[in-house]
Amino acid sequence: MPEIECVQVLPKRIGEKITTRCPNPDSALYPRRDWVVIEKLSEHPNPATVEDFDDGMGPAYTAGKYLCRLAGTANEKKLAFMRIYKQIPLDGTELDSSSVRKAQASNLHDHGHVELDALKHLTESGCTVTPRLLGYQISKQDATDLVPSGYILYVVWEKVPGYPLDIDEFWSLPYHKREFIRDKFKKAYMEVLKLGYQPILGSPSKIILDKTTGDVKISGFRRAARIDPDVLWKDYNFVMFLLALNSTERDKYHPVMAEDIKHDESNDWRW
């Protein structure tokens, strides 16, 4: 398969107001809200060829992440993240006529994005260790857009206190502080797993640590998997999130700075 060039297409939208309105019955849980965009943080295009689409791989789309806040003069500190999923033309058809691009339009319900499903389920299940879903909206592109009648999905979730775990800083902490974070992570991650979702892939960036309180949240469900909720804890979860090391490969680029590393003689893991 030829390599497809990934081009960012979503605008920065800084200062723009975006409204989320959910269909019934979700409108009672997630009422209409207006959001003001503060910053575009990232964009991840997911291109596809005509052959990919014909083989059932789904439409091409892009996913942009934005920092925003609730609209209103008293809401400057009510921060949230917004993900915009937008269908884009299949590779090689970007300059084709609007009728050709319109023929590619897909229904979101046929090609849903797991992030919305995961955040809805976790929020409505009362999960205490993941950001709450604050709203979403499903729209269609207009006649002059990239894929006329193609979908646009807006997903908004709260910005929880803290920041993604700095794994280099983690491995410079004394052992008792590393153990404290590991214990907090284990409890939080198990709550998520017990509700039947697992973020993919494991990364320290999905661990949100509030240094003031020591609280840990699990975020990052753009890619997630539905799993058996009867899952049992495995210490390998620590390895997946780099809270335990089973290899020295990482040391070439990010050497471990702590002087009180503990070695597990049974499997040569480092803690």
C-alpha atoms as a PDB file:
ATOM      1  CA  MET A   1       0.000   0.000   0.000  1.00  0.00           C
ATOM      2  CA  PRO A   2       1.454   3.416  -0.920  1.00  0.00           C
ATOM      3  CA  GLU A   3       2.207   5.771   1.940  1.00  0.00           C
ATOM      4  CA  ILE A   4      -0.432   8.473   2.413  1.00  0.00           C
ATOM      5  CA  GLU A   5       0.669  11.970   3.310  1.00  0.00           C
ATOM      6  CA  CYS A   6      -1.036  13.138   6.515  1.00  0.00           C
ATOM      7  CA  VAL A   7      -2.106  16.776   6.219  1.00  0.00           C
ATOM      8  CA  GLN A   8      -3.712  18.704   9.048  1.00  0.00           C
ATOM      9  CA  VAL A   9      -6.978  20.276   7.937  1.00  0.00           C
ATOM     10  CA  LEU A  10      -8.700  21.549  11.077  1.00  0.00           C
ATOM     11  CA  PRO A  11      -8.289  25.287  11.762  1.00  0.00           C
ATOM     12  CA  LYS A  12      -7.006  26.658  15.072  1.00  0.00           C
ATOM     13  CA  ARG A  13     -10.402  28.246  15.877  1.00  0.00           C
ATOM     14  CA  ILE A  14      -8.904  30.276  18.753  1.00  0.00           C
ATOM     15  CA  GLY A  15     -11.557  32.514  20.274  1.00  0.00           C
ATOM     16  CA  GLU A  16     -14.404  30.826  18.415  1.00  0.00           C
ATOM     17  CA  LYS A  17     -17.528  29.685  20.242  1.00  0.00           C
ATOM     18  CA  ILE A  18     -18.683  26.115  19.647  1.00  0.00           C
ATOM     19  CA  THR A  19     -22.029  24.865  20.924  1.00  0.00           C
ATOM     20  CA  THR A  20     -22.702  21.257  21.901  1.00  0.00           C
ATOM     21  CA  ARG A  21     -26.282  20.000  21.774  1.00  0.00           C
ATOM     22  CA  CYS A  22     -26.995  16.340  22.450  1.00  0.00           C
ATOM     23  CA  PRO A  23     -29.950  14.430  21.008  1.00  0.00           C
ATOM     24  CA  ASN A  24     -32.643  13.088  23.314  1.00  0.00           C
ATOM     25  CA  PRO A  25     -32.558  11.409  25.768  1.00  0.00           C
ATOM     26  CA  ASP A  26     -28.912  12.438  26.389  1.00  0.00           C
ATOM     27  CA  SER A  27     -29.851  16.121  26.410  1.00  0.00           C
ATOM     28  CA  ALA A  28     -30.988  15.721  30.024  1.00  0.00           C
ATOM     29  CA  LEU A  29     -27.572  14.389  31.055  1.00  0.00           C
ATOM     30  CA  TYR A  30     -25.499  16.689  28.857  1.00  0.00           C
ATOM     31  CA  PRO A  31     -27.372  19.990  28.411  1.00  0.00           C
ATOM     32  CA  ARG A  32     -26.588  22.499  25.689  1.00  0.00           C
ATOM     33  CA  ARG A  33     -23.369  24.360  26.450  1.00  0.00           C
ATOM     34  CA  ASP A  34     -21.266  26.975  24.689  1.00  0.00           C
ATOM     35  CA  TRP A  35     -17.477  26.565  24.637  1.00  0.00           C
ATOM     36  CA  VAL A  36     -14.785  29.085  23.750  1.00  0.00           C
ATOM     37  CA  VAL A  37     -11.645  27.663  22.094  1.00  0.00           C
ATOM     38  CA  ILE A  38      -8.403  28.672  23.832  1.00  0.00           C
ATOM     39  CA  GLU A  39      -5.799  26.628  21.952  1.00  0.00           C
ATOM     40  CA  LYS A  40      -5.474  23.902  19.358  1.00  0.00           C
ATOM     41  CA  LEU A  41      -3.323  21.200  20.959  1.00  0.00           C
ATOM     42  CA  SER A  42      -2.949  18.502  18.307  1.00  0.00           C
ATOM     43  CA  GLU A  43      -4.397  16.875  15.220  1.00  0.00           C
ATOM     44  CA  HIS A  44      -4.198  13.243  14.151  1.00  0.00           C
ATOM     45  CA  PRO A  45      -5.348  12.545  10.577  1.00  0.00           C
ATOM     46  CA  ASN A  46      -6.468   9.003   9.800  1.00  0.00           C
ATOM     47  CA  PRO A  47      -6.241   8.833   5.983  1.00  0.00           C
ATOM     48  CA  ALA A  48      -7.659   6.055   3.844  1.00  0.00           C
ATOM     49  CA  THR A  49      -7.621   5.142   0.177  1.00  0.00           C
ATOM     50  CA  VAL A  50     -10.596   4.292  -2.019  1.00  0.00           C
ATOM     51  CA  GLU A  51      -9.464   0.665  -1.820  1.00  0.00           C
ATOM     52  CA  ASP A  52      -9.381   0.829   1.977  1.00  0.00           C
ATOM     53  CA  PHE A  53     -12.918   2.183   2.040  1.00  0.00           C
ATOM     54  CA  ASP A  54     -14.171  -0.432  -0.424  1.00  0.00           C
ATOM     55  CA  ASP A  55     -12.605  -3.125   1.786  1.00  0.00           C
ATOM     56  CA  GLY A  56     -14.725  -1.983   4.709  1.00  0.00           C
ATOM     57  CA  MET A  57     -12.035  -0.136   6.674  1.00  0.00           C
ATOM     58  CA  GLY A  58     -14.270   2.882   7.182  1.00  0.00           C
ATOM     59  CA  PRO A  59     -13.974   6.485   6.047  1.00  0.00           C
ATOM     60  CA  ALA A  60     -10.981   8.787   6.261  1.00  0.00           C
ATOM     61  CA  TYR A  61     -11.148  11.275   9.117  1.00  0.00           C
ATOM     62  CA  THR A  62      -9.080  13.604  11.226  1.00  0.00           C
ATOM     63  CA  ALA A  63      -9.208  14.150  14.990  1.00  0.00           C
ATOM     64  CA  GLY A  64      -8.195  17.470  16.531  1.00  0.00           C
ATOM     65  CA  LYS A  65      -7.824  18.196  20.253  1.00  0.00           C
ATOM     66  CA  TYR A  66      -8.522  21.655  21.656  1.00  0.00           C
ATOM     67  CA  LEU A  67      -8.310  23.332  25.034  1.00  0.00           C
ATOM     68  CA  CYS A  68     -11.472  25.307  25.701  1.00  0.00           C
ATOM     69  CA  ARG A  69     -13.537  26.820  28.486  1.00  0.00           C
ATOM     70  CA  LEU A  70     -17.195  27.221  29.256  1.00  0.00           C
ATOM     71  CA  ALA A  71     -18.489  30.438  27.715  1.00  0.00           C
ATOM     72  CA  GLY A  72     -19.398  33.324  29.999  1.00  0.00           C
ATOM     73  CA  THR A  73     -17.510  36.030  31.870  1.00  0.00           C
ATOM     74  CA  ALA A  74     -17.439  34.036  35.119  1.00  0.00           C
ATOM     75  CA  ASN A  75     -16.239  30.791  33.535  1.00  0.00           C
ATOM     76  CA  GLU A  76     -12.606  31.528  32.657  1.00  0.00           C
ATOM     77  CA  LYS A  77     -11.380  28.730  34.947  1.00  0.00           C
ATOM     78  CA  LYS A  78     -13.919  26.112  33.865  1.00  0.00           C
ATOM     79  CA  LEU A  79     -11.574  24.388  31.447  1.00  0.00           C
ATOM     80  CA  ALA A  80     -12.291  21.398  29.262  1.00  0.00           C
ATOM     81  CA  PHE A  81     -10.886  19.487  26.324  1.00  0.00           C
ATOM     82  CA  MET A  82     -12.704  19.166  23.030  1.00  0.00           C
ATOM     83  CA  ARG A  83     -12.070  16.585  20.341  1.00  0.00           C
ATOM     84  CA  ILE A  84     -13.362  17.262  16.862  1.00  0.00           C
ATOM     85  CA  TYR A  85     -13.684  14.241  14.608  1.00  0.00           C
ATOM     86  CA  LYS A  86     -14.280  15.209  10.994  1.00  0.00           C
ATOM     87  CA  GLN A  87     -14.614  13.028   7.926  1.00  0.00           C
ATOM     88  CA  ILE A  88     -12.109  13.951   5.201  1.00  0.00           C
ATOM     89  CA  PRO A  89     -11.910  12.911   1.523  1.00  0.00           C
ATOM     90  CA  LEU A  90     -10.323   9.623   0.593  1.00  0.00           C
ATOM     91  CA  ASP A  91      -6.745   9.890  -0.591  1.00  0.00           C
ATOM     92  CA  GLY A  92      -6.529  11.183  -4.150  1.00  0.00           C
ATOM     93  CA  THR A  93     -10.077  12.607  -4.197  1.00  0.00           C
ATOM     94  CA  GLU A  94      -9.418  15.859  -2.339  1.00  0.00           C
ATOM     95  CA  LEU A  95      -9.745  17.936  -5.547  1.00  0.00           C
ATOM     96  CA  ASP A  96     -12.598  15.925  -7.069  1.00  0.00           C
ATOM     97  CA  SER A  97     -16.020  17.462  -7.548  1.00  0.00           C
ATOM     98  CA  SER A  98     -18.284  17.973  -4.548  1.00  0.00           C
ATOM     99  CA  SER A  99     -20.601  15.232  -5.871  1.00  0.00           C
ATOM    100  CA  VAL A 100     -17.743  12.703  -5.825  1.00  0.00           C
ATOM    101  CA  ARG A 101     -16.770  13.708  -2.300  1.00  0.00           C
ATOM    102  CA  LYS A 102     -20.403  13.730  -1.174  1.00  0.00           C
ATOM    103  CA  ALA A 103     -20.755  10.126  -2.321  1.00  0.00           C
ATOM    104  CA  GLN A 104     -18.196   9.224   0.372  1.00  0.00           C
ATOM    105  CA  ALA A 105     -20.320  10.677   3.190  1.00  0.00           C
ATOM    106  CA  SER A 106     -20.636   8.238   6.054  1.00  0.00           C
ATOM    107  CA  ASN A 107     -23.083   8.004   8.903  1.00  0.00           C
ATOM    108  CA  LEU A 108     -21.330   8.318  12.271  1.00  0.00           C
ATOM    109  CA  HIS A 109     -23.497   5.537  13.681  1.00  0.00           C
ATOM    110  CA  ASP A 110     -22.021   3.180  11.088  1.00  0.00           C
ATOM    111  CA  HIS A 111     -18.443   4.200  11.911  1.00  0.00           C
ATOM    112  CA  GLY A 112     -18.541   5.441  15.507  1.00  0.00           C
ATOM    113  CA  HIS A 113     -15.586   6.684  17.527  1.00  0.00           C
ATOM    114  CA  VAL A 114     -14.916   4.723  20.694  1.00  0.00           C
ATOM    115  CA  GLU A 115     -13.935   7.801  22.700  1.00  0.00           C
ATOM    116  CA  LEU A 116     -17.531   9.010  22.908  1.00  0.00           C
ATOM    117  CA  ASP A 117     -18.829   5.567  23.846  1.00  0.00           C
ATOM    118  CA  ALA A 118     -16.149   5.132  26.511  1.00  0.00           C
ATOM    119  CA  LEU A 119     -16.619   8.557  28.102  1.00  0.00           C
ATOM    120  CA  LYS A 120     -20.403   8.178  28.092  1.00  0.00           C
ATOM    121  CA  HIS A 121     -20.231   4.772  29.743  1.00  0.00           C
ATOM    122  CA  LEU A 122     -17.641   5.800  32.346  1.00  0.00           C
ATOM    123  CA  THR A 123     -19.474   9.027  33.195  1.00  0.00           C
ATOM    124  CA  GLU A 124     -22.909   7.434  33.427  1.00  0.00           C
ATOM    125  CA  SER A 125     -21.476   4.572  35.503  1.00  0.00           C
ATOM    126  CA  GLY A 126     -20.234   7.070  38.085  1.00  0.00           C
ATOM    127  CA  CYS A 127     -16.544   6.416  37.503  1.00  0.00           C
ATOM    128  CA  THR A 128     -14.516   8.531  39.949  1.00  0.00           C
ATOM    129  CA  VAL A 129     -11.122   8.261  38.257  1.00  0.00           C
ATOM    130  CA  THR A 130     -11.775   9.464  34.704  1.00  0.00           C
ATOM    131  CA  PRO A 131     -12.765  12.880  33.339  1.00  0.00           C
ATOM    132  CA  ARG A 132     -16.519  13.410  33.069  1.00  0.00           C
ATOM    133  CA  LEU A 133     -18.117  13.806  29.677  1.00  0.00           C
ATOM    134  CA  LEU A 134     -19.570  17.331  29.521  1.00  0.00           C
ATOM    135  CA  GLY A 135     -21.266  17.254  26.166  1.00  0.00           C
ATOM    136  CA  TYR A 136     -21.158  16.140  22.560  1.00  0.00           C
ATOM    137  CA  GLN A 137     -22.727  16.940  19.236  1.00  0.00           C
ATOM    138  CA  ILE A 138     -23.099  15.072  15.968  1.00  0.00           C
ATOM    139  CA  SER A 139     -23.331  17.299  12.889  1.00  0.00           C
ATOM    140  CA  LYS A 140     -23.065  17.082   9.114  1.00  0.00           C
ATOM    141  CA  GLN A 141     -20.777  19.058   6.856  1.00  0.00           C
ATOM    142  CA  ASP A 142     -22.419  21.589   4.558  1.00  0.00           C
ATOM    143  CA  ALA A 143     -22.373  21.583   0.773  1.00  0.00           C
ATOM    144  CA  THR A 144     -19.106  23.555   0.546  1.00  0.00           C
ATOM    145  CA  ASP A 145     -17.154  21.509   3.075  1.00  0.00           C
ATOM    146  CA  LEU A 146     -14.589  18.730   2.594  1.00  0.00           C
ATOM    147  CA  VAL A 147     -17.115  15.892   2.431  1.00  0.00           C
ATOM    148  CA  PRO A 148     -20.604  17.322   1.911  1.00  0.00           C
ATOM    149  CA  SER A 149     -23.021  15.549   4.318  1.00  0.00           C
ATOM    150  CA  GLY A 150     -20.036  13.807   5.947  1.00  0.00           C
ATOM    151  CA  TYR A 151     -20.027  13.705   9.722  1.00  0.00           C
ATOM    152  CA  ILE A 152     -18.490  16.011  12.309  1.00  0.00           C
ATOM    153  CA  LEU A 153     -18.430  14.867  15.933  1.00  0.00           C
ATOM    154  CA  TYR A 154     -17.643  17.144  18.870  1.00  0.00           C
ATOM    155  CA  VAL A 155     -16.754  15.519  22.212  1.00  0.00           C
ATOM    156  CA  VAL A 156     -16.081  17.625  25.324  1.00  0.00           C
ATOM    157  CA  TRP A 157     -14.748  16.325  28.630  1.00  0.00           C
ATOM    158  CA  GLU A 158     -13.559  18.028  31.794  1.00  0.00           C
ATOM    159  CA  LYS A 159      -9.951  19.014  32.377  1.00  0.00           C
ATOM    160  CA  VAL A 160      -9.213  17.332  35.705  1.00  0.00           C
ATOM    161  CA  PRO A 161      -6.664  18.824  38.145  1.00  0.00           C
ATOM    162  CA  GLY A 162      -3.069  17.830  37.455  1.00  0.00           C
ATOM    163  CA  TYR A 163      -0.888  17.051  34.476  1.00  0.00           C
ATOM    164  CA  PRO A 164       0.219  13.957  32.549  1.00  0.00           C
ATOM    165  CA  LEU A 165       2.832  12.030  34.497  1.00  0.00           C
ATOM    166  CA  ASP A 166       6.400  13.020  33.618  1.00  0.00           C
ATOM    167  CA  ILE A 167       8.003   9.587  33.496  1.00  0.00           C
ATOM    168  CA  ASP A 168      11.552  10.963  33.755  1.00  0.00           C
ATOM    169  CA  GLU A 169      10.578  12.839  36.896  1.00  0.00           C
ATOM    170  CA  PHE A 170       8.873   9.698  38.220  1.00  0.00           C
ATOM    171  CA  TRP A 171      12.110   7.705  37.889  1.00  0.00           C
ATOM    172  CA  SER A 172      14.017  10.397  39.761  1.00  0.00           C
ATOM    173  CA  LEU A 173      11.723  10.206  42.799  1.00  0.00           C
ATOM    174  CA  PRO A 174      12.625   8.168  45.910  1.00  0.00           C
ATOM    175  CA  TYR A 175      11.193   4.667  46.084  1.00  0.00           C
ATOM    176  CA  HIS A 176       8.422   5.443  48.598  1.00  0.00           C
ATOM    177  CA  LYS A 177       7.053   8.196  46.331  1.00  0.00           C
ATOM    178  CA  ARG A 178       7.183   5.924  43.287  1.00  0.00           C
ATOM    179  CA  GLU A 179       5.296   3.284  45.270  1.00  0.00           C
ATOM    180  CA  PHE A 180       2.703   5.865  46.317  1.00  0.00           C
ATOM    181  CA  ILE A 181       2.018   6.767  42.681  1.00  0.00           C
ATOM    182  CA  ARG A 182       1.969   3.111  41.641  1.00  0.00           C
ATOM    183  CA  ASP A 183      -0.594   2.337  44.347  1.00  0.00           C
ATOM    184  CA  LYS A 184      -2.778   5.265  43.284  1.00  0.00           C
ATOM    185  CA  PHE A 185      -2.489   4.215  39.643  1.00  0.00           C
ATOM    186  CA  LYS A 186      -3.422   0.595  40.415  1.00  0.00           C
ATOM    187  CA  LYS A 187      -6.605   1.602  42.234  1.00  0.00           C
ATOM    188  CA  ALA A 188      -7.603   4.065  39.501  1.00  0.00           C
ATOM    189  CA  TYR A 189      -6.798   1.771  36.596  1.00  0.00           C
ATOM    190  CA  MET A 190      -8.676  -1.147  38.135  1.00  0.00           C
ATOM    191  CA  GLU A 191     -11.775   1.012  38.501  1.00  0.00           C
ATOM    192  CA  VAL A 192     -11.637   1.736  34.771  1.00  0.00           C
ATOM    193  CA  LEU A 193     -11.011  -1.895  33.833  1.00  0.00           C
ATOM    194  CA  LYS A 194     -13.882  -3.061  36.032  1.00  0.00           C
ATOM    195  CA  LEU A 195     -16.181  -0.826  34.004  1.00  0.00           C
ATOM    196  CA  GLY A 196     -15.168  -2.609  30.811  1.00  0.00           C
ATOM    197  CA  TYR A 197     -12.820  -0.225  29.002  1.00  0.00           C
ATOM    198  CA  GLN A 198      -9.066  -0.124  28.502  1.00  0.00           C
ATOM    199  CA  PRO A 199      -7.168   2.810  26.956  1.00  0.00           C
ATOM    200  CA  ILE A 200      -4.925   1.821  24.048  1.00  0.00           C
ATOM    201  CA  LEU A 201      -1.933   2.087  24.068  1.00  0.00           C
ATOM    202  CA  GLY A 202      -0.616   2.288  27.636  1.00  0.00           C
ATOM    203  CA  SER A 203       1.365   5.489  28.161  1.00  0.00           C
ATOM    204  CA  PRO A 204       2.412   7.657  31.130  1.00  0.00           C
ATOM    205  CA  SER A 205       0.610  10.535  29.407  1.00  0.00           C
ATOM    206  CA  LYS A 206      -2.682   8.821  30.244  1.00  0.00           C
ATOM    207  CA  ILE A 207      -1.894   9.061  33.971  1.00  0.00           C
ATOM    208  CA  ILE A 208      -2.989  12.483  35.252  1.00  0.00           C
ATOM    209  CA  LEU A 209      -1.239  13.265  38.538  1.00  0.00           C
ATOM    210  CA  ASP A 210      -2.323  16.078  40.843  1.00  0.00           C
ATOM    211  CA  LYS A 211       0.865  16.800  42.772  1.00  0.00           C
ATOM    212  CA  THR A 212      -1.029  18.890  45.330  1.00  0.00           C
ATOM    213  CA  THR A 213      -3.340  16.086  46.454  1.00  0.00           C
ATOM    214  CA  GLY A 214      -1.567  13.000  45.093  1.00  0.00           C
ATOM    215  CA  ASP A 215      -4.760  12.110  43.221  1.00  0.00           C
ATOM    216  CA  VAL A 216      -4.470  10.052  40.021  1.00  0.00           C
ATOM    217  CA  LYS A 217      -6.925   9.997  37.127  1.00  0.00           C
ATOM    218  CA  ILE A 218      -6.903   7.937  33.940  1.00  0.00           C
ATOM    219  CA  SER A 219      -7.458   9.797  30.672  1.00  0.00           C
ATOM    220  CA  GLY A 220      -6.882   9.274  26.961  1.00  0.00           C
ATOM    221  CA  PHE A 221      -9.698   7.246  25.396  1.00  0.00           C
ATOM    222  CA  ARG A 222      -9.312   8.309  21.766  1.00  0.00           C
ATOM    223  CA  ARG A 223      -8.183   4.755  21.259  1.00  0.00           C
ATOM    224  CA  ALA A 224      -9.779   2.328  23.680  1.00  0.00           C
ATOM    225  CA  ALA A 225     -10.970  -1.263  23.745  1.00  0.00           C
ATOM    226  CA  ARG A 226     -14.032  -2.890  25.216  1.00  0.00           C
ATOM    227  CA  ILE A 227     -12.884  -5.620  27.612  1.00  0.00           C
ATOM    228  CA  ASP A 228     -14.281  -8.205  30.012  1.00  0.00           C
ATOM    229  CA  PRO A 229     -15.159  -6.260  33.202  1.00  0.00           C
ATOM    230  CA  ASP A 230     -14.204  -9.293  35.323  1.00  0.00           C
ATOM    231  CA  VAL A 231     -10.525  -8.693  34.580  1.00  0.00           C
ATOM    232  CA  LEU A 232      -8.010  -9.379  37.347  1.00  0.00           C
ATOM    233  CA  TRP A 233      -5.061  -7.149  38.166  1.00  0.00           C
ATOM    234  CA  LYS A 234      -1.719  -7.981  36.557  1.00  0.00           C
ATOM    235  CA  ASP A 235       1.526  -6.271  37.530  1.00  0.00           C
ATOM    236  CA  TYR A 236       2.367  -6.084  33.840  1.00  0.00           C
ATOM    237  CA  ASN A 237       0.029  -3.070  33.788  1.00  0.00           C
ATOM    238  CA  PHE A 238       2.836  -1.223  35.594  1.00  0.00           C
ATOM    239  CA  VAL A 239       5.203  -2.160  32.764  1.00  0.00           C
ATOM    240  CA  MET A 240       2.785  -0.986  30.052  1.00  0.00           C
ATOM    241  CA  PHE A 241       2.679   2.465  31.656  1.00  0.00           C
ATOM    242  CA  LEU A 242       6.452   2.480  32.397  1.00  0.00           C
ATOM    243  CA  LEU A 243       5.916   2.478  36.171  1.00  0.00           C
ATOM    244  CA  ALA A 244       8.015  -0.689  36.268  1.00  0.00           C
ATOM    245  CA  LEU A 245      10.795  -1.480  33.810  1.00  0.00           C
ATOM    246  CA  ASN A 246      11.356  -4.892  32.247  1.00  0.00           C
ATOM    247  CA  SER A 247      14.047  -3.741  29.819  1.00  0.00           C
ATOM    248  CA  THR A 248      17.072  -1.452  29.698  1.00  0.00           C
ATOM    249  CA  GLU A 249      16.261  -0.169  26.189  1.00  0.00           C
ATOM    250  CA  ARG A 250      14.614   2.978  27.541  1.00  0.00           C
ATOM    251  CA  ASP A 251      17.765   3.862  29.495  1.00  0.00           C
ATOM    252  CA  LYS A 252      19.572   4.847  26.294  1.00  0.00           C
ATOM    253  CA  TYR A 253      17.362   7.895  25.958  1.00  0.00           C
ATOM    254  CA  HIS A 254      15.927   8.382  29.449  1.00  0.00           C
ATOM    255  CA  PRO A 255      18.320   7.017  32.068  1.00  0.00           C
ATOM    256  CA  VAL A 256      16.873   6.161  35.468  1.00  0.00           C
ATOM    257  CA  MET A 257      18.075   8.768  37.969  1.00  0.00           C
ATOM    258  CA  ALA A 258      16.836   7.304  41.265  1.00  0.00           C
ATOM    259  CA  GLU A 259      19.461   5.674  43.467  1.00  0.00           C
ATOM    260  CA  ASP A 260      17.105   3.299  45.304  1.00  0.00           C
ATOM    261  CA  ILE A 261      15.929   1.076  42.444  1.00  0.00           C
ATOM    262  CA  LYS A 262      14.635  -2.299  43.593  1.00  0.00           C
ATOM    263  CA  HIS A 263      15.154  -5.375  41.434  1.00  0.00           C
ATOM    264  CA  ASP A 264      12.726  -8.267  41.284  1.00  0.00           C
ATOM    265  CA  GLU A 265      14.894 -11.392  41.114  1.00  0.00           C
ATOM    266  CA  SER A 266      12.035 -13.501  39.758  1.00  0.00           C
ATOM    267  CA  ASN A 267      11.709 -11.554  36.495  1.00  0.00           C
ATOM    268  CA  ASP A 268      14.498  -8.922  36.591  1.00  0.00           C
ATOM    269  CA  TRP A 269      12.010  -6.062  36.630  1.00  0.00           C
ATOM    270  CA  ARG A 270      13.057  -2.757  38.165  1.00  0.00           C
ATOM    271  CA  TRP A 271      10.824  -0.863  40.570  1.00  0.00           C
END
